[in-house]
Every structure is written in C-alpha cells, then in structure tokens.
Amino acid sequence: MLKGHRFKARFSRVFSSQFGMVFSDWLSLAFLFLTVLVLSLVAGWFPDGLSAIFFEHRLKQGLIMVGVSVIFLLLILLFARWLAGSYRYEVYSTTPSRKKMLVLFLSNLRGDVETLNGELNRLLERLSRAGSSGEKLELINSSLSFRSWRMPLEAVGFHLPVLERVVVITSKESSPQFPLFKRLVGELYPELKPSDVKEVRVDDFEDFNSVQEAIERVYDVLKSANYRNRDVILDITGGKKIVSIVGALLSLNPGREFQYISTTDYTVKSYDVEVTRDD
C-alpha cells in the first residue's frame, strides 16, 4: 500500500511538472481539446481526400477535403508560432487570504540548545505576564537570541483562526531548536495544538535539490490529506537565500502561492508568479 502511494505521488509530481499548466486551467484545457479535435479531423480528411482524388475519381470532394485539412493545419502552425514568442514572469503582490496550511522555514539561532533553553524559560515567564499577542511579539523582538523568529511567528498568527496545521522545514542546524520554536508557538497561539505543528528536516538549506524535494514532499503529504494548493501557502522569510529562490520557482506550479514577512513593518505579502507573453 505504501509503495502504491509513493508511486502515485511520484507519478503525480512528474505529470504536474510536464502538463500541470495545461490541465489546471479550463481555458487551456478547452484549447487543447479543440486542437486535438482539429488534428483528428486533419488526420482523417487529408488521406481520405487524396484517396478520393487519385483512386475514387471524386475530384471535387477530394479537393475540398484536402483544402480544408491544409487550411486547418496552417492555422494551427501559425498559432503555434505566435505562441512560441518570448515570455516573461509577472509577479503579483497582494495581502494573502488566510490559509489552512502554512509551510515555513526555521532559521537557526546562535548558541547551544542548553543555553537557549534557559533563555527561553526566562522569556516565557515574561510572555506569560504580557497581554495581547502583539505585546508578546514585541517582547520576542527585544530578545537578542529569539528576535529572528518573530517573522515566522508573525506568519503563524496572521493565518489564525483559519490555520489548521503548520509544517516547519528545518536544517541540520535549526532542527535541534525546533522544540524551542514549538514552545513559543504554544505560548503565543494556544489555539494550535502541539500536534498541529510538524517538522520536516533538510540537511542543508543551501542545497537546492534537497530544499526542492522537501517542499514537494510536503505538498504530496498535504495533497494526500485532502488539502488543495489554494489551502496552502509557503513562507520564505526564514532560512537562507536559496530557500527564497526555490520557493519562488516552485510557486510557478499552478495554484501555488508564497508569502514574505517584511522585516521592517512585519506586514504579510503574498506573491503569485505567472508566465505571460512579452508583447
């Protein structure tokens, strides 16, 4: 059963990478259907027309069939040449809608886990006396050790109360710190259960293929749990620059969206990258 699921996930990934742009859009699908229909007509009429001209002595009918076939074929070729022009990437920036699933990268903090754990205990005492989540985030921002985690924590808070699950992709360095991040999430957002925050580990955030495979693995798991692409958003604020590059590239897949948290005013912006014709 597990092998069957892996094969299905792998085949789905390959199929989506090759044909996803066509089958994700009803207009593209309709055009594909019409193209196949016209090519089928040409494949039938052209040889039948030649047969009518040379073997069945039905010159007029044969010429009409061959002529119509040639016209249709030329129209398809001309349209294909027009489509083969230059293209560019169009990036649309908006405030995202709240999502059920958030995927984010956890950057590593300076210091060993034991020291950080002691600092976190003292920070949690201060957070317990704070009022709103905004005040708690400001306290985290004032902490030299944990201030870099404010952005992923902002990302989690933005998507509540719709948010159901958080998948945290960690590196070899940040993986030992994941329990600390989980404790902070629990303090700021008690509506999320510990089981709602999951870890997926990557050995190196600077390894393009490893990061890509981790993201695709997450999307496969979420798809098997009946989450659609529009239910998921990928936050690329944490981690290293390669993470941002991979996240942006993978968002070209139909229906995928990524977001970034401003490091100045902490606003959340989502980005949808589309390929458009450069006229």
C-alpha atoms as a PDB file:
ATOM      1  CA  MET A   1       0.000   0.000   0.000  1.00  0.00           C
ATOM      2  CA  LEU A   2       2.851   2.373   0.893  1.00  0.00           C
ATOM      3  CA  LYS A   3       4.685   1.592  -2.359  1.00  0.00           C
ATOM      4  CA  GLY A   4       1.478   2.282  -4.273  1.00  0.00           C
ATOM      5  CA  HIS A   5       1.096   5.646  -2.542  1.00  0.00           C
ATOM      6  CA  ARG A   6       4.714   6.571  -3.303  1.00  0.00           C
ATOM      7  CA  PHE A   7       4.289   5.607  -6.958  1.00  0.00           C
ATOM      8  CA  LYS A   8       1.096   7.670  -7.194  1.00  0.00           C
ATOM      9  CA  ALA A   9       2.772  10.682  -5.570  1.00  0.00           C
ATOM     10  CA  ARG A  10       5.823  10.392  -7.843  1.00  0.00           C
ATOM     11  CA  PHE A  11       3.717   9.997 -10.982  1.00  0.00           C
ATOM     12  CA  SER A  12       1.521  12.922  -9.927  1.00  0.00           C
ATOM     13  CA  ARG A  13       4.609  15.102  -9.437  1.00  0.00           C
ATOM     14  CA  VAL A  14       6.060  14.200 -12.853  1.00  0.00           C
ATOM     15  CA  PHE A  15       2.703  14.669 -14.588  1.00  0.00           C
ATOM     16  CA  SER A  16       2.140  18.040 -12.909  1.00  0.00           C
ATOM     17  CA  SER A  17       5.619  19.265 -13.810  1.00  0.00           C
ATOM     18  CA  GLN A  18       5.077  18.435 -17.501  1.00  0.00           C
ATOM     19  CA  PHE A  19       1.353  19.108 -18.018  1.00  0.00           C
ATOM     20  CA  GLY A  20       0.191  20.890 -14.872  1.00  0.00           C
ATOM     21  CA  MET A  21      -0.083  24.305 -16.531  1.00  0.00           C
ATOM     22  CA  VAL A  22      -2.423  22.869 -19.186  1.00  0.00           C
ATOM     23  CA  PHE A  23      -4.680  20.754 -17.004  1.00  0.00           C
ATOM     24  CA  SER A  24      -5.026  23.322 -14.212  1.00  0.00           C
ATOM     25  CA  ASP A  25      -6.754  25.897 -16.411  1.00  0.00           C
ATOM     26  CA  TRP A  26     -10.168  25.321 -18.025  1.00  0.00           C
ATOM     27  CA  LEU A  27      -9.391  27.702 -20.893  1.00  0.00           C
ATOM     28  CA  SER A  28      -6.148  25.869 -21.681  1.00  0.00           C
ATOM     29  CA  LEU A  29      -7.966  22.553 -21.416  1.00  0.00           C
ATOM     30  CA  ALA A  30     -10.658  23.718 -23.851  1.00  0.00           C
ATOM     31  CA  PHE A  31      -7.993  24.892 -26.309  1.00  0.00           C
ATOM     32  CA  LEU A  32      -6.214  21.544 -26.030  1.00  0.00           C
ATOM     33  CA  PHE A  33      -9.483  19.748 -26.731  1.00  0.00           C
ATOM     34  CA  LEU A  34     -10.156  21.864 -29.839  1.00  0.00           C
ATOM     35  CA  THR A  35      -6.579  21.348 -31.063  1.00  0.00           C
ATOM     36  CA  VAL A  36      -6.852  17.559 -30.714  1.00  0.00           C
ATOM     37  CA  LEU A  37     -10.261  17.675 -32.434  1.00  0.00           C
ATOM     38  CA  VAL A  38      -8.924  19.663 -35.393  1.00  0.00           C
ATOM     39  CA  LEU A  39      -5.824  17.452 -35.715  1.00  0.00           C
ATOM     40  CA  SER A  40      -8.048  14.379 -35.694  1.00  0.00           C
ATOM     41  CA  LEU A  41     -10.126  15.946 -38.468  1.00  0.00           C
ATOM     42  CA  VAL A  42      -6.996  16.734 -40.482  1.00  0.00           C
ATOM     43  CA  ALA A  43      -5.607  13.220 -39.928  1.00  0.00           C
ATOM     44  CA  GLY A  44      -8.843  11.753 -41.286  1.00  0.00           C
ATOM     45  CA  TRP A  45      -9.739  14.123 -44.101  1.00  0.00           C
ATOM     46  CA  PHE A  46      -6.307  14.573 -45.682  1.00  0.00           C
ATOM     47  CA  PRO A  47      -5.664  10.904 -46.591  1.00  0.00           C
ATOM     48  CA  ASP A  48      -9.344  10.394 -47.472  1.00  0.00           C
ATOM     49  CA  GLY A  49      -9.189  13.420 -49.762  1.00  0.00           C
ATOM     50  CA  LEU A  50      -6.081  12.110 -51.530  1.00  0.00           C
ATOM     51  CA  SER A  51      -7.740   8.734 -51.932  1.00  0.00           C
ATOM     52  CA  ALA A  52     -10.837  10.389 -53.406  1.00  0.00           C
ATOM     53  CA  ILE A  53      -8.731  12.342 -55.931  1.00  0.00           C
ATOM     54  CA  PHE A  54      -6.379   9.609 -57.150  1.00  0.00           C
ATOM     55  CA  PHE A  55      -8.304   6.367 -56.687  1.00  0.00           C
ATOM     56  CA  GLU A  56     -12.045   7.060 -56.468  1.00  0.00           C
ATOM     57  CA  HIS A  57     -12.304   9.757 -59.172  1.00  0.00           C
ATOM     58  CA  ARG A  58     -14.204  12.178 -56.861  1.00  0.00           C
ATOM     59  CA  LEU A  59     -12.086  15.203 -57.708  1.00  0.00           C
ATOM     60  CA  LYS A  60     -14.272  17.991 -56.301  1.00  0.00           C
ATOM     61  CA  GLN A  61     -14.948  16.271 -52.964  1.00  0.00           C
ATOM     62  CA  GLY A  62     -11.315  15.236 -52.635  1.00  0.00           C
ATOM     63  CA  LEU A  63     -10.029  18.761 -53.283  1.00  0.00           C
ATOM     64  CA  ILE A  64     -12.413  20.192 -50.668  1.00  0.00           C
ATOM     65  CA  MET A  65     -11.278  17.664 -48.046  1.00  0.00           C
ATOM     66  CA  VAL A  66      -7.578  18.227 -48.777  1.00  0.00           C
ATOM     67  CA  GLY A  67      -8.006  22.009 -48.936  1.00  0.00           C
ATOM     68  CA  VAL A  68      -9.859  22.258 -45.618  1.00  0.00           C
ATOM     69  CA  SER A  69      -7.269  19.990 -43.976  1.00  0.00           C
ATOM     70  CA  VAL A  70      -4.378  22.112 -45.238  1.00  0.00           C
ATOM     71  CA  ILE A  71      -6.061  25.353 -44.087  1.00  0.00           C
ATOM     72  CA  PHE A  72      -6.695  23.965 -40.588  1.00  0.00           C
ATOM     73  CA  LEU A  73      -3.140  22.663 -40.366  1.00  0.00           C
ATOM     74  CA  LEU A  74      -1.663  26.004 -41.458  1.00  0.00           C
ATOM     75  CA  LEU A  75      -3.807  27.873 -38.910  1.00  0.00           C
ATOM     76  CA  ILE A  76      -2.559  25.588 -36.119  1.00  0.00           C
ATOM     77  CA  LEU A  77       1.077  26.034 -37.213  1.00  0.00           C
ATOM     78  CA  LEU A  78       0.732  29.832 -37.428  1.00  0.00           C
ATOM     79  CA  PHE A  79      -0.901  29.990 -33.995  1.00  0.00           C
ATOM     80  CA  ALA A  80       1.817  27.734 -32.551  1.00  0.00           C
ATOM     81  CA  ARG A  81       4.498  30.030 -33.982  1.00  0.00           C
ATOM     82  CA  TRP A  82       2.765  33.023 -32.413  1.00  0.00           C
ATOM     83  CA  LEU A  83       2.653  31.250 -29.056  1.00  0.00           C
ATOM     84  CA  ALA A  84       6.362  30.409 -29.306  1.00  0.00           C
ATOM     85  CA  GLY A  85       7.325  34.056 -28.861  1.00  0.00           C
ATOM     86  CA  SER A  86       9.211  35.470 -25.895  1.00  0.00           C
ATOM     87  CA  TYR A  87       7.731  35.299 -22.401  1.00  0.00           C
ATOM     88  CA  ARG A  88       8.418  36.942 -19.081  1.00  0.00           C
ATOM     89  CA  TYR A  89       7.499  36.367 -15.462  1.00  0.00           C
ATOM     90  CA  GLU A  90       4.767  38.520 -13.981  1.00  0.00           C
ATOM     91  CA  VAL A  91       4.739  38.795 -10.172  1.00  0.00           C
ATOM     92  CA  TYR A  92       1.507  39.780  -8.444  1.00  0.00           C
ATOM     93  CA  SER A  93       1.809  41.018  -4.864  1.00  0.00           C
ATOM     94  CA  THR A  94      -1.228  41.128  -2.573  1.00  0.00           C
ATOM     95  CA  THR A  95      -2.207  40.578   1.017  1.00  0.00           C
ATOM     96  CA  PRO A  96      -2.901  36.838   1.162  1.00  0.00           C
ATOM     97  CA  SER A  97      -6.129  35.278   2.301  1.00  0.00           C
ATOM     98  CA  ARG A  98      -5.891  33.202   5.445  1.00  0.00           C
ATOM     99  CA  LYS A  99      -4.853  29.636   4.713  1.00  0.00           C
ATOM    100  CA  LYS A 100      -5.490  26.290   6.378  1.00  0.00           C
ATOM    101  CA  MET A 101      -1.877  25.211   5.904  1.00  0.00           C
ATOM    102  CA  LEU A 102       1.318  27.169   6.445  1.00  0.00           C
ATOM    103  CA  VAL A 103       4.728  25.875   5.381  1.00  0.00           C
ATOM    104  CA  LEU A 104       7.707  27.837   6.683  1.00  0.00           C
ATOM    105  CA  PHE A 105      11.486  27.587   7.103  1.00  0.00           C
ATOM    106  CA  LEU A 106      13.125  27.834  10.516  1.00  0.00           C
ATOM    107  CA  SER A 107      16.444  29.670  10.648  1.00  0.00           C
ATOM    108  CA  ASN A 108      18.897  28.601  13.317  1.00  0.00           C
ATOM    109  CA  LEU A 109      19.682  30.741  16.358  1.00  0.00           C
ATOM    110  CA  ARG A 110      23.144  31.447  17.698  1.00  0.00           C
ATOM    111  CA  GLY A 111      24.125  29.494  20.767  1.00  0.00           C
ATOM    112  CA  ASP A 112      23.824  25.925  22.011  1.00  0.00           C
ATOM    113  CA  VAL A 113      20.440  24.392  22.780  1.00  0.00           C
ATOM    114  CA  GLU A 114      21.028  24.225  26.538  1.00  0.00           C
ATOM    115  CA  THR A 115      21.803  27.938  26.797  1.00  0.00           C
ATOM    116  CA  LEU A 116      18.909  28.843  24.504  1.00  0.00           C
ATOM    117  CA  ASN A 117      16.554  26.675  26.534  1.00  0.00           C
ATOM    118  CA  GLY A 118      17.469  28.602  29.696  1.00  0.00           C
ATOM    119  CA  GLU A 119      16.923  31.927  27.942  1.00  0.00           C
ATOM    120  CA  LEU A 120      13.606  30.684  26.575  1.00  0.00           C
ATOM    121  CA  ASN A 121      12.384  29.757  30.056  1.00  0.00           C
ATOM    122  CA  ARG A 122      13.060  33.308  31.236  1.00  0.00           C
ATOM    123  CA  LEU A 123      11.416  34.719  28.113  1.00  0.00           C
ATOM    124  CA  LEU A 124       8.323  32.537  28.592  1.00  0.00           C
ATOM    125  CA  GLU A 125       7.914  33.920  32.124  1.00  0.00           C
ATOM    126  CA  ARG A 126       7.828  37.440  30.707  1.00  0.00           C
ATOM    127  CA  LEU A 127       5.452  36.375  27.925  1.00  0.00           C
ATOM    128  CA  SER A 128       3.029  34.831  30.430  1.00  0.00           C
ATOM    129  CA  ARG A 129       2.630  38.248  32.064  1.00  0.00           C
ATOM    130  CA  ALA A 130       2.062  40.042  28.755  1.00  0.00           C
ATOM    131  CA  GLY A 131      -1.425  40.723  27.467  1.00  0.00           C
ATOM    132  CA  SER A 132      -2.029  40.540  23.724  1.00  0.00           C
ATOM    133  CA  SER A 133      -0.096  38.530  21.180  1.00  0.00           C
ATOM    134  CA  GLY A 134       1.203  41.829  19.810  1.00  0.00           C
ATOM    135  CA  GLU A 135       2.835  42.619  23.146  1.00  0.00           C
ATOM    136  CA  LYS A 136       4.320  39.135  23.264  1.00  0.00           C
ATOM    137  CA  LEU A 137       5.770  39.545  19.779  1.00  0.00           C
ATOM    138  CA  GLU A 138       7.368  42.831  20.836  1.00  0.00           C
ATOM    139  CA  LEU A 139       8.958  41.060  23.806  1.00  0.00           C
ATOM    140  CA  ILE A 140      10.323  38.392  21.465  1.00  0.00           C
ATOM    141  CA  ASN A 141      11.643  41.153  19.211  1.00  0.00           C
ATOM    142  CA  SER A 142      13.509  42.662  22.168  1.00  0.00           C
ATOM    143  CA  SER A 143      15.258  39.343  22.824  1.00  0.00           C
ATOM    144  CA  LEU A 144      18.652  39.170  21.135  1.00  0.00           C
ATOM    145  CA  SER A 145      18.509  35.377  20.957  1.00  0.00           C
ATOM    146  CA  PHE A 146      14.978  34.899  19.624  1.00  0.00           C
ATOM    147  CA  ARG A 147      14.216  38.071  17.667  1.00  0.00           C
ATOM    148  CA  SER A 148      14.900  36.403  14.286  1.00  0.00           C
ATOM    149  CA  TRP A 149      11.961  34.078  14.942  1.00  0.00           C
ATOM    150  CA  ARG A 150       9.496  36.942  15.123  1.00  0.00           C
ATOM    151  CA  MET A 151       8.780  36.738  11.369  1.00  0.00           C
ATOM    152  CA  PRO A 152       7.729  33.058  11.292  1.00  0.00           C
ATOM    153  CA  LEU A 153       5.684  33.668  14.453  1.00  0.00           C
ATOM    154  CA  GLU A 154       4.014  36.624  12.722  1.00  0.00           C
ATOM    155  CA  ALA A 155       3.256  34.307   9.796  1.00  0.00           C
ATOM    156  CA  VAL A 156       1.533  31.810  12.084  1.00  0.00           C
ATOM    157  CA  GLY A 157      -0.545  34.487  13.791  1.00  0.00           C
ATOM    158  CA  PHE A 158      -1.643  36.058  10.506  1.00  0.00           C
ATOM    159  CA  HIS A 159      -3.425  32.919   9.294  1.00  0.00           C
ATOM    160  CA  LEU A 160      -5.333  32.267  12.516  1.00  0.00           C
ATOM    161  CA  PRO A 161      -8.112  31.341  13.187  1.00  0.00           C
ATOM    162  CA  VAL A 162      -8.340  29.603   9.772  1.00  0.00           C
ATOM    163  CA  LEU A 163      -4.952  27.924  10.185  1.00  0.00           C
ATOM    164  CA  GLU A 164      -5.140  24.189  10.930  1.00  0.00           C
ATOM    165  CA  ARG A 165      -1.571  22.937  10.523  1.00  0.00           C
ATOM    166  CA  VAL A 166       1.954  24.331  10.401  1.00  0.00           C
ATOM    167  CA  VAL A 167       4.796  22.462   8.710  1.00  0.00           C
ATOM    168  CA  VAL A 168       8.233  23.721   9.762  1.00  0.00           C
ATOM    169  CA  ILE A 169      11.116  22.839   7.455  1.00  0.00           C
ATOM    170  CA  THR A 170      14.350  22.797   9.457  1.00  0.00           C
ATOM    171  CA  SER A 171      18.013  22.477   8.595  1.00  0.00           C
ATOM    172  CA  LYS A 172      20.649  20.355  10.313  1.00  0.00           C
ATOM    173  CA  GLU A 173      21.450  23.382  12.486  1.00  0.00           C
ATOM    174  CA  SER A 174      17.905  24.500  13.304  1.00  0.00           C
ATOM    175  CA  SER A 175      16.371  21.041  13.813  1.00  0.00           C
ATOM    176  CA  PRO A 176      17.600  20.737  17.458  1.00  0.00           C
ATOM    177  CA  GLN A 177      15.965  24.131  18.101  1.00  0.00           C
ATOM    178  CA  PHE A 178      12.570  23.099  16.711  1.00  0.00           C
ATOM    179  CA  PRO A 179      11.163  22.158  20.178  1.00  0.00           C
ATOM    180  CA  LEU A 180      12.004  25.691  21.359  1.00  0.00           C
ATOM    181  CA  PHE A 181      10.117  27.202  18.428  1.00  0.00           C
ATOM    182  CA  LYS A 182       7.197  24.899  19.133  1.00  0.00           C
ATOM    183  CA  ARG A 183       7.073  26.117  22.748  1.00  0.00           C
ATOM    184  CA  LEU A 184       6.943  29.722  21.543  1.00  0.00           C
ATOM    185  CA  VAL A 185       4.100  28.904  19.147  1.00  0.00           C
ATOM    186  CA  GLY A 186       2.202  27.260  22.007  1.00  0.00           C
ATOM    187  CA  GLU A 187       2.688  30.314  24.246  1.00  0.00           C
ATOM    188  CA  LEU A 188       1.580  32.832  21.628  1.00  0.00           C
ATOM    189  CA  TYR A 189      -1.155  30.797  19.977  1.00  0.00           C
ATOM    190  CA  PRO A 190      -2.656  28.260  22.408  1.00  0.00           C
ATOM    191  CA  GLU A 191      -5.460  27.508  19.928  1.00  0.00           C
ATOM    192  CA  LEU A 192      -2.926  25.460  17.971  1.00  0.00           C
ATOM    193  CA  LYS A 193      -2.299  22.035  19.476  1.00  0.00           C
ATOM    194  CA  PRO A 194       1.291  20.715  19.627  1.00  0.00           C
ATOM    195  CA  SER A 195       0.304  18.005  17.137  1.00  0.00           C
ATOM    196  CA  ASP A 196      -0.671  20.727  14.646  1.00  0.00           C
ATOM    197  CA  VAL A 197       2.977  21.849  14.345  1.00  0.00           C
ATOM    198  CA  LYS A 198       5.111  19.336  12.433  1.00  0.00           C
ATOM    199  CA  GLU A 199       8.781  19.244  11.445  1.00  0.00           C
ATOM    200  CA  VAL A 200      10.333  18.271   8.113  1.00  0.00           C
ATOM    201  CA  ARG A 201      14.125  18.224   8.127  1.00  0.00           C
ATOM    202  CA  VAL A 202      16.529  19.217   5.357  1.00  0.00           C
ATOM    203  CA  ASP A 203      20.245  18.605   5.795  1.00  0.00           C
ATOM    204  CA  ASP A 204      21.320  21.851   4.158  1.00  0.00           C
ATOM    205  CA  PHE A 205      19.309  24.961   3.267  1.00  0.00           C
ATOM    206  CA  GLU A 206      21.932  25.780   0.607  1.00  0.00           C
ATOM    207  CA  ASP A 207      21.317  22.524  -1.270  1.00  0.00           C
ATOM    208  CA  PHE A 208      18.820  23.430  -3.991  1.00  0.00           C
ATOM    209  CA  ASN A 209      17.722  19.849  -4.686  1.00  0.00           C
ATOM    210  CA  SER A 210      17.272  18.980  -1.016  1.00  0.00           C
ATOM    211  CA  VAL A 211      15.112  22.039  -0.384  1.00  0.00           C
ATOM    212  CA  GLN A 212      13.060  21.353  -3.508  1.00  0.00           C
ATOM    213  CA  GLU A 213      12.500  17.710  -2.576  1.00  0.00           C
ATOM    214  CA  ALA A 214      11.439  18.702   0.945  1.00  0.00           C
ATOM    215  CA  ILE A 215       8.887  21.210  -0.344  1.00  0.00           C
ATOM    216  CA  GLU A 216       7.491  18.752  -2.892  1.00  0.00           C
ATOM    217  CA  ARG A 217       7.312  16.070  -0.192  1.00  0.00           C
ATOM    218  CA  VAL A 218       5.288  18.419   1.998  1.00  0.00           C
ATOM    219  CA  TYR A 219       2.880  19.217  -0.838  1.00  0.00           C
ATOM    220  CA  ASP A 220       2.471  15.484  -1.579  1.00  0.00           C
ATOM    221  CA  VAL A 221       1.624  14.733   2.049  1.00  0.00           C
ATOM    222  CA  LEU A 222      -0.830  17.631   2.220  1.00  0.00           C
ATOM    223  CA  LYS A 223      -2.453  16.529  -1.017  1.00  0.00           C
ATOM    224  CA  SER A 224      -2.950  13.019   0.402  1.00  0.00           C
ATOM    225  CA  ALA A 225      -4.591  14.700   3.435  1.00  0.00           C
ATOM    226  CA  ASN A 226      -7.058  16.398   1.034  1.00  0.00           C
ATOM    227  CA  TYR A 227      -5.500  19.869   1.186  1.00  0.00           C
ATOM    228  CA  ARG A 228      -5.594  21.714  -2.125  1.00  0.00           C
ATOM    229  CA  ASN A 229      -2.895  24.086  -3.373  1.00  0.00           C
ATOM    230  CA  ARG A 230      -5.125  27.060  -2.624  1.00  0.00           C
ATOM    231  CA  ASP A 231      -5.341  25.911   1.022  1.00  0.00           C
ATOM    232  CA  VAL A 232      -1.543  26.104   1.411  1.00  0.00           C
ATOM    233  CA  ILE A 233       0.936  28.965   1.472  1.00  0.00           C
ATOM    234  CA  LEU A 234       4.720  28.778   1.620  1.00  0.00           C
ATOM    235  CA  ASP A 235       6.522  31.368   3.739  1.00  0.00           C
ATOM    236  CA  ILE A 236      10.053  32.105   2.506  1.00  0.00           C
ATOM    237  CA  THR A 237      11.095  34.657   5.142  1.00  0.00           C
ATOM    238  CA  GLY A 238      13.227  32.249   7.200  1.00  0.00           C
ATOM    239  CA  GLY A 239      16.211  30.186   6.150  1.00  0.00           C
ATOM    240  CA  LYS A 240      18.771  31.316   3.584  1.00  0.00           C
ATOM    241  CA  LYS A 241      18.567  32.983   0.176  1.00  0.00           C
ATOM    242  CA  ILE A 242      18.419  29.657  -1.667  1.00  0.00           C
ATOM    243  CA  VAL A 243      15.165  28.986   0.188  1.00  0.00           C
ATOM    244  CA  SER A 244      13.634  32.138  -1.269  1.00  0.00           C
ATOM    245  CA  ILE A 245      14.785  31.179  -4.771  1.00  0.00           C
ATOM    246  CA  VAL A 246      13.391  27.646  -4.564  1.00  0.00           C
ATOM    247  CA  GLY A 247      10.128  28.861  -3.044  1.00  0.00           C
ATOM    248  CA  ALA A 248       9.618  31.407  -5.806  1.00  0.00           C
ATOM    249  CA  LEU A 249      10.417  28.882  -8.546  1.00  0.00           C
ATOM    250  CA  LEU A 250       8.115  26.210  -7.146  1.00  0.00           C
ATOM    251  CA  SER A 251       5.291  28.712  -6.900  1.00  0.00           C
ATOM    252  CA  LEU A 252       5.174  28.582 -10.714  1.00  0.00           C
ATOM    253  CA  ASN A 253       3.292  25.332 -10.269  1.00  0.00           C
ATOM    254  CA  PRO A 254      -0.428  26.004 -10.802  1.00  0.00           C
ATOM    255  CA  GLY A 255      -2.320  27.280  -7.780  1.00  0.00           C
ATOM    256  CA  ARG A 256       0.703  27.632  -5.509  1.00  0.00           C
ATOM    257  CA  GLU A 257       1.405  30.807  -3.571  1.00  0.00           C
ATOM    258  CA  PHE A 258       4.223  32.069  -1.391  1.00  0.00           C
ATOM    259  CA  GLN A 259       4.480  34.881   1.116  1.00  0.00           C
ATOM    260  CA  TYR A 260       7.118  37.073   2.705  1.00  0.00           C
ATOM    261  CA  ILE A 261       7.062  38.914   6.034  1.00  0.00           C
ATOM    262  CA  SER A 262       8.517  42.419   5.915  1.00  0.00           C
ATOM    263  CA  THR A 263      11.451  42.792   8.295  1.00  0.00           C
ATOM    264  CA  THR A 264      10.608  46.489   8.802  1.00  0.00           C
ATOM    265  CA  ASP A 265       6.856  46.717   9.460  1.00  0.00           C
ATOM    266  CA  TYR A 266       6.038  42.953   9.668  1.00  0.00           C
ATOM    267  CA  THR A 267       3.311  43.143   7.031  1.00  0.00           C
ATOM    268  CA  VAL A 268       2.486  39.956   5.145  1.00  0.00           C
ATOM    269  CA  LYS A 269       2.631  39.952   1.353  1.00  0.00           C
ATOM    270  CA  SER A 270       1.825  37.037  -0.913  1.00  0.00           C
ATOM    271  CA  TYR A 271       3.320  36.600  -4.357  1.00  0.00           C
ATOM    272  CA  ASP A 272       1.878  34.744  -7.308  1.00  0.00           C
ATOM    273  CA  VAL A 273       4.280  34.253 -10.222  1.00  0.00           C
ATOM    274  CA  GLU A 274       2.777  33.750 -13.682  1.00  0.00           C
ATOM    275  CA  VAL A 275       4.332  33.318 -17.111  1.00  0.00           C
ATOM    276  CA  THR A 276       2.980  35.921 -19.519  1.00  0.00           C
ATOM    277  CA  ARG A 277       3.655  36.684 -23.161  1.00  0.00           C
ATOM    278  CA  ASP A 278       6.048  39.563 -23.765  1.00  0.00           C
ATOM    279  CA  ASP A 279       4.300  41.539 -26.485  1.00  0.00           C
END
